[in-house]
N, C-alpha and C. Protein backbone atom coordinates (compact mmCIF):
# COMPACT_ATOMS: atom_id res chain seq x y z
N MET A 1 -8.48 -11.04 -7.48
CA MET A 1 -7.27 -10.92 -7.22
C MET A 1 -6.61 -9.88 -7.77
N PRO A 2 -6.40 -8.70 -6.85
CA PRO A 2 -5.78 -7.71 -7.00
C PRO A 2 -4.14 -7.62 -7.30
N LEU A 3 -4.07 -7.25 -8.54
CA LEU A 3 -2.57 -6.89 -9.34
C LEU A 3 -1.85 -5.63 -8.66
N PHE A 4 -0.98 -5.94 -8.19
CA PHE A 4 -0.56 -4.38 -7.70
C PHE A 4 1.23 -4.47 -8.36
N LEU A 5 1.15 -3.42 -9.41
CA LEU A 5 2.43 -3.04 -10.12
C LEU A 5 3.26 -2.02 -9.03
N SER A 6 4.35 -2.48 -8.86
CA SER A 6 5.32 -1.68 -7.99
C SER A 6 6.76 -1.37 -8.33
N LYS A 7 7.18 -0.21 -7.53
CA LYS A 7 8.62 0.04 -7.70
C LYS A 7 9.29 -0.71 -7.05
N LYS A 8 10.35 -1.25 -7.44
CA LYS A 8 11.31 -2.36 -6.93
C LYS A 8 11.45 -1.91 -5.52
N GLU A 9 11.62 -0.73 -4.78
CA GLU A 9 12.17 -0.46 -3.23
C GLU A 9 10.38 -0.75 -2.69
N VAL A 10 9.41 -0.86 -3.58
CA VAL A 10 8.29 -0.97 -2.45
C VAL A 10 8.22 -2.57 -2.43
N LEU A 11 8.61 -3.51 -3.44
CA LEU A 11 8.71 -4.73 -3.49
C LEU A 11 9.25 -5.48 -2.27
N VAL A 12 10.48 -4.66 -1.98
CA VAL A 12 11.44 -5.11 -1.33
C VAL A 12 10.62 -4.62 0.05
N TRP A 13 10.27 -3.79 0.24
CA TRP A 13 9.37 -3.41 1.52
C TRP A 13 8.21 -4.38 2.04
N VAL A 14 7.54 -4.73 0.94
CA VAL A 14 6.57 -5.82 1.37
C VAL A 14 7.42 -7.07 1.75
N LYS A 15 8.37 -7.31 0.60
CA LYS A 15 8.60 -9.09 1.05
C LYS A 15 9.75 -8.82 2.13
N ASN A 16 10.27 -8.25 2.90
CA ASN A 16 10.80 -7.99 4.11
C ASN A 16 9.96 -7.98 5.13
N GLY A 17 8.77 -7.68 5.00
CA GLY A 17 7.69 -7.43 6.17
C GLY A 17 7.57 -6.02 6.79
N ALA A 18 8.23 -5.09 5.94
CA ALA A 18 8.45 -3.59 6.75
C ALA A 18 7.28 -3.05 6.15
N LYS A 19 6.62 -3.45 5.29
CA LYS A 19 5.33 -2.44 4.50
C LYS A 19 4.25 -4.01 4.65
N THR A 20 3.18 -3.36 5.60
CA THR A 20 2.22 -4.38 5.64
C THR A 20 0.83 -3.53 5.17
N ILE A 21 0.92 -2.43 4.90
CA ILE A 21 -0.32 -2.26 4.13
C ILE A 21 -0.12 -1.18 3.00
N GLU A 22 -0.51 -1.63 1.87
CA GLU A 22 -0.81 -0.87 0.84
C GLU A 22 -2.29 -0.34 0.33
N ILE A 23 -1.47 1.42 0.11
CA ILE A 23 -2.76 2.10 -0.31
C ILE A 23 -2.92 2.47 -2.17
N ARG A 24 -3.90 2.30 -2.49
CA ARG A 24 -4.21 2.68 -3.84
C ARG A 24 -5.24 3.29 -3.77
N LYS A 25 -5.29 4.17 -5.08
CA LYS A 25 -6.42 5.20 -5.65
C LYS A 25 -7.70 4.42 -6.10
N GLY A 26 -8.78 4.77 -5.68
CA GLY A 26 -9.94 4.15 -5.98
C GLY A 26 -10.46 3.43 -5.03
N ASN A 27 -11.86 2.50 -5.40
CA ASN A 27 -12.64 2.12 -4.75
C ASN A 27 -11.68 0.38 -4.67
N PRO A 28 -12.23 -0.55 -3.70
CA PRO A 28 -11.30 -1.78 -3.12
C PRO A 28 -11.56 -2.95 -4.06
N LYS A 29 -10.69 -3.51 -4.62
CA LYS A 29 -10.70 -4.48 -5.78
C LYS A 29 -11.08 -5.69 -5.19
N ARG A 30 -11.72 -6.61 -5.84
CA ARG A 30 -12.31 -7.77 -5.02
C ARG A 30 -11.23 -8.86 -4.80
N GLY A 31 -11.14 -9.83 -4.13
CA GLY A 31 -10.31 -10.79 -3.91
C GLY A 31 -9.68 -10.63 -2.40
N ASP A 32 -9.20 -11.80 -2.05
CA ASP A 32 -8.43 -11.77 -0.62
C ASP A 32 -6.83 -12.18 -0.91
N ILE A 33 -6.22 -12.06 -2.43
CA ILE A 33 -4.63 -12.25 -2.17
C ILE A 33 -4.48 -11.17 -2.96
N ALA A 34 -3.18 -10.71 -2.56
CA ALA A 34 -2.59 -9.49 -3.82
C ALA A 34 -1.13 -9.95 -4.25
N PHE A 35 -1.45 -9.63 -5.35
CA PHE A 35 -0.32 -9.87 -6.24
C PHE A 35 0.61 -8.69 -6.56
N PHE A 36 1.86 -8.91 -6.09
CA PHE A 36 2.84 -7.55 -6.27
C PHE A 36 3.64 -8.27 -7.46
N SER A 37 3.81 -7.10 -8.20
CA SER A 37 4.93 -7.30 -9.33
C SER A 37 5.77 -6.18 -9.86
N SER A 38 6.83 -6.32 -9.88
CA SER A 38 8.03 -5.24 -10.22
C SER A 38 9.06 -5.94 -11.15
N GLY A 39 8.62 -5.43 -12.45
CA GLY A 39 9.51 -6.41 -13.67
C GLY A 39 9.16 -7.68 -13.39
N PRO A 40 10.14 -8.58 -13.30
CA PRO A 40 10.17 -10.14 -13.09
C PRO A 40 9.98 -10.64 -11.82
N ASN A 41 10.15 -9.58 -10.97
CA ASN A 41 9.68 -10.15 -9.58
C ASN A 41 8.54 -10.02 -9.12
N LYS A 42 8.05 -11.14 -8.38
CA LYS A 42 6.54 -11.24 -7.86
C LYS A 42 6.27 -11.97 -6.71
N LEU A 43 5.13 -11.23 -6.05
CA LEU A 43 5.13 -11.84 -4.65
C LEU A 43 3.55 -11.91 -4.30
N LYS A 44 3.09 -12.79 -3.56
CA LYS A 44 1.55 -13.03 -3.43
C LYS A 44 1.68 -13.46 -1.62
N LEU A 45 0.63 -12.34 -1.28
CA LEU A 45 0.26 -11.91 -0.06
C LEU A 45 -1.26 -12.09 0.48
N ASN A 46 -1.70 -12.56 1.41
CA ASN A 46 -3.15 -12.03 1.88
C ASN A 46 -3.33 -11.09 2.13
N ILE A 47 -4.83 -10.57 1.80
CA ILE A 47 -5.29 -9.24 2.41
C ILE A 47 -6.37 -9.54 3.34
N ILE A 48 -6.01 -9.29 4.50
CA ILE A 48 -6.52 -9.62 5.76
C ILE A 48 -7.90 -8.55 5.74
N LYS A 49 -7.72 -7.45 5.63
CA LYS A 49 -8.78 -5.97 5.90
C LYS A 49 -8.35 -4.94 4.63
N LYS A 50 -9.59 -4.25 4.28
CA LYS A 50 -9.71 -3.41 3.82
C LYS A 50 -10.10 -1.75 3.99
N GLU A 51 -9.64 -0.97 3.97
CA GLU A 51 -10.48 0.10 4.26
C GLU A 51 -10.50 1.46 3.05
N THR A 52 -11.69 2.13 2.83
CA THR A 52 -11.79 2.77 1.74
C THR A 52 -12.17 4.55 2.40
N GLY A 53 -11.52 5.62 2.16
CA GLY A 53 -11.67 6.74 2.80
C GLY A 53 -10.64 8.02 1.78
N LYS A 54 -10.63 9.27 2.47
CA LYS A 54 -9.87 9.71 2.01
C LYS A 54 -8.47 9.56 2.56
N ILE A 55 -7.19 10.02 1.68
CA ILE A 55 -5.67 9.86 1.91
C ILE A 55 -5.72 9.97 3.58
N THR A 56 -5.78 11.08 3.76
CA THR A 56 -5.75 11.60 5.70
C THR A 56 -6.49 10.87 6.50
N ASP A 57 -7.54 10.11 5.97
CA ASP A 57 -7.99 9.04 6.78
C ASP A 57 -7.34 7.77 7.01
N LEU A 58 -6.58 7.56 5.70
CA LEU A 58 -6.09 5.87 5.80
C LEU A 58 -4.84 5.75 6.30
N ILE A 59 -4.16 7.24 6.15
CA ILE A 59 -2.58 7.32 6.77
C ILE A 59 -2.81 8.19 7.30
N ARG A 60 -2.15 7.55 9.06
CA ARG A 60 -2.06 8.07 10.16
C ARG A 60 -1.03 8.02 10.92
N LEU A 61 -0.71 8.75 12.08
CA LEU A 61 0.41 8.53 12.77
C LEU A 61 0.92 7.23 13.45
N ASP A 62 -0.53 6.60 13.61
CA ASP A 62 -0.40 5.07 13.94
C ASP A 62 0.01 3.86 12.81
N ASN A 63 -0.01 4.73 11.83
CA ASN A 63 0.38 3.50 10.58
C ASN A 63 1.14 3.99 9.46
N TYR A 64 1.41 5.28 9.20
CA TYR A 64 2.09 5.53 8.08
C TYR A 64 3.48 5.01 8.05
N ASN A 65 4.39 4.31 8.76
CA ASN A 65 5.38 3.90 8.53
C ASN A 65 5.38 2.31 8.05
N SER A 66 3.66 1.75 8.46
CA SER A 66 3.76 0.56 7.68
C SER A 66 3.12 0.16 6.33
N ILE A 67 3.30 1.93 5.65
CA ILE A 67 2.54 2.00 4.36
C ILE A 67 3.87 2.58 3.46
N ILE A 68 4.73 3.55 4.03
CA ILE A 68 5.39 4.07 3.10
C ILE A 68 7.18 3.90 4.18
N THR A 69 7.76 2.83 4.57
CA THR A 69 8.74 2.52 5.19
C THR A 69 10.02 3.63 5.51
N ALA A 70 10.16 4.00 3.98
CA ALA A 70 11.20 4.98 4.29
C ALA A 70 10.32 6.38 4.36
N ALA A 71 9.56 7.05 5.01
CA ALA A 71 9.15 8.03 5.56
C ALA A 71 9.36 8.49 7.17
N LYS A 72 9.87 9.36 7.32
CA LYS A 72 10.16 9.93 8.38
C LYS A 72 9.26 10.48 9.28
N THR A 73 8.30 11.06 8.56
CA THR A 73 7.11 11.56 9.17
C THR A 73 5.90 11.56 8.34
N LEU A 74 4.58 11.83 9.16
CA LEU A 74 3.24 11.23 8.33
C LEU A 74 3.13 12.04 7.00
N GLU A 75 3.78 13.44 7.16
CA GLU A 75 3.62 14.49 6.12
C GLU A 75 4.48 13.87 4.85
N GLU A 76 5.46 13.00 5.26
CA GLU A 76 6.43 12.68 4.17
C GLU A 76 5.87 11.49 3.77
N ALA A 77 5.00 10.59 4.30
CA ALA A 77 4.06 9.33 3.97
C ALA A 77 3.43 9.68 2.77
N ILE A 78 2.22 10.77 3.01
CA ILE A 78 1.30 11.51 2.56
C ILE A 78 1.62 11.72 1.06
N GLY A 79 2.96 12.78 1.35
CA GLY A 79 3.26 13.10 0.06
C GLY A 79 3.90 12.24 -0.73
N TYR A 80 4.59 11.04 -0.48
CA TYR A 80 4.77 9.86 -1.36
C TYR A 80 3.85 9.88 -2.02
N ILE A 81 2.44 9.17 -1.28
CA ILE A 81 1.35 8.61 -2.36
C ILE A 81 0.52 10.15 -2.93
N GLN A 82 0.94 11.11 -2.72
CA GLN A 82 0.06 12.40 -3.64
C GLN A 82 1.48 12.29 -4.97
N THR A 83 2.50 12.10 -4.89
CA THR A 83 3.51 12.04 -5.72
C THR A 83 3.06 11.14 -7.00
N LEU A 84 3.03 9.89 -6.26
CA LEU A 84 2.70 8.59 -7.11
C LEU A 84 0.97 9.01 -8.42
N TYR A 85 0.18 9.79 -7.33
CA TYR A 85 -1.35 9.79 -8.24
C TYR A 85 -1.31 11.48 -8.41
N GLY A 86 -0.46 12.29 -8.10
CA GLY A 86 -0.91 13.55 -8.64
C GLY A 86 -1.65 14.41 -7.64
N THR A 87 -2.25 13.65 -6.82
CA THR A 87 -3.32 14.16 -5.81
C THR A 87 -3.85 13.34 -4.42
N ASP A 88 -4.33 14.06 -3.99
CA ASP A 88 -4.72 13.40 -2.47
C ASP A 88 -6.28 13.41 -2.45
N LYS A 89 -6.89 13.83 -3.81
CA LYS A 89 -8.29 14.02 -3.75
C LYS A 89 -8.98 12.67 -4.12
N GLY A 90 -9.73 12.52 -3.89
CA GLY A 90 -10.63 10.97 -4.23
C GLY A 90 -10.77 10.08 -3.30
N THR A 91 -11.04 8.81 -3.65
CA THR A 91 -11.27 8.00 -2.70
C THR A 91 -10.08 6.83 -2.92
N PHE A 92 -9.31 6.44 -1.88
CA PHE A 92 -8.40 5.56 -1.83
C PHE A 92 -9.11 4.35 -1.01
N THR A 93 -7.86 3.28 -0.87
CA THR A 93 -8.28 1.77 -0.61
C THR A 93 -6.66 1.79 0.28
N ALA A 94 -6.95 1.21 1.29
CA ALA A 94 -5.61 0.36 2.27
C ALA A 94 -5.92 -1.02 2.12
N TYR A 95 -5.17 -1.76 2.03
CA TYR A 95 -4.79 -2.93 1.91
C TYR A 95 -4.03 -3.64 2.76
N TYR A 96 -4.55 -4.18 3.88
CA TYR A 96 -3.47 -4.63 4.74
C TYR A 96 -3.41 -6.06 4.72
N LEU A 97 -1.87 -6.38 4.59
CA LEU A 97 -1.39 -7.68 4.07
C LEU A 97 -0.68 -8.67 5.18
N SER A 98 -0.98 -9.80 5.10
CA SER A 98 0.11 -10.44 5.74
C SER A 98 0.31 -11.42 5.01
N SER A 99 1.72 -12.09 5.22
CA SER A 99 2.40 -13.35 4.40
C SER A 99 1.54 -14.34 4.62
N ASN A 100 1.92 -15.24 3.13
CA ASN A 100 1.18 -16.46 3.24
C ASN A 100 2.03 -17.70 3.79
N LYS A 101 3.21 -17.44 4.53
CA LYS A 101 3.86 -18.66 5.37
C LYS A 101 3.31 -18.94 6.53
């Protein structure tokens, strides 16, 4: 079960259903339930699909807003992830999320 430590704004995006894809650096973690945590706030969601590859293969025109909901462009979404990890090189994993409701 992957645990995703998140910024408060990201947890809000996930909670309200605007963010349905989580991108993390590295190979996929085992499990089909994702736990998000930001301080005392916690959220549990189902992982319905995983994709692994380069960041530019995972974040596309058809999905960037489901990853970084505040992004106005594809480049902005990629830049947000690059800022978090300090790079766009290496393997990333996209976790497609669904609520437990």
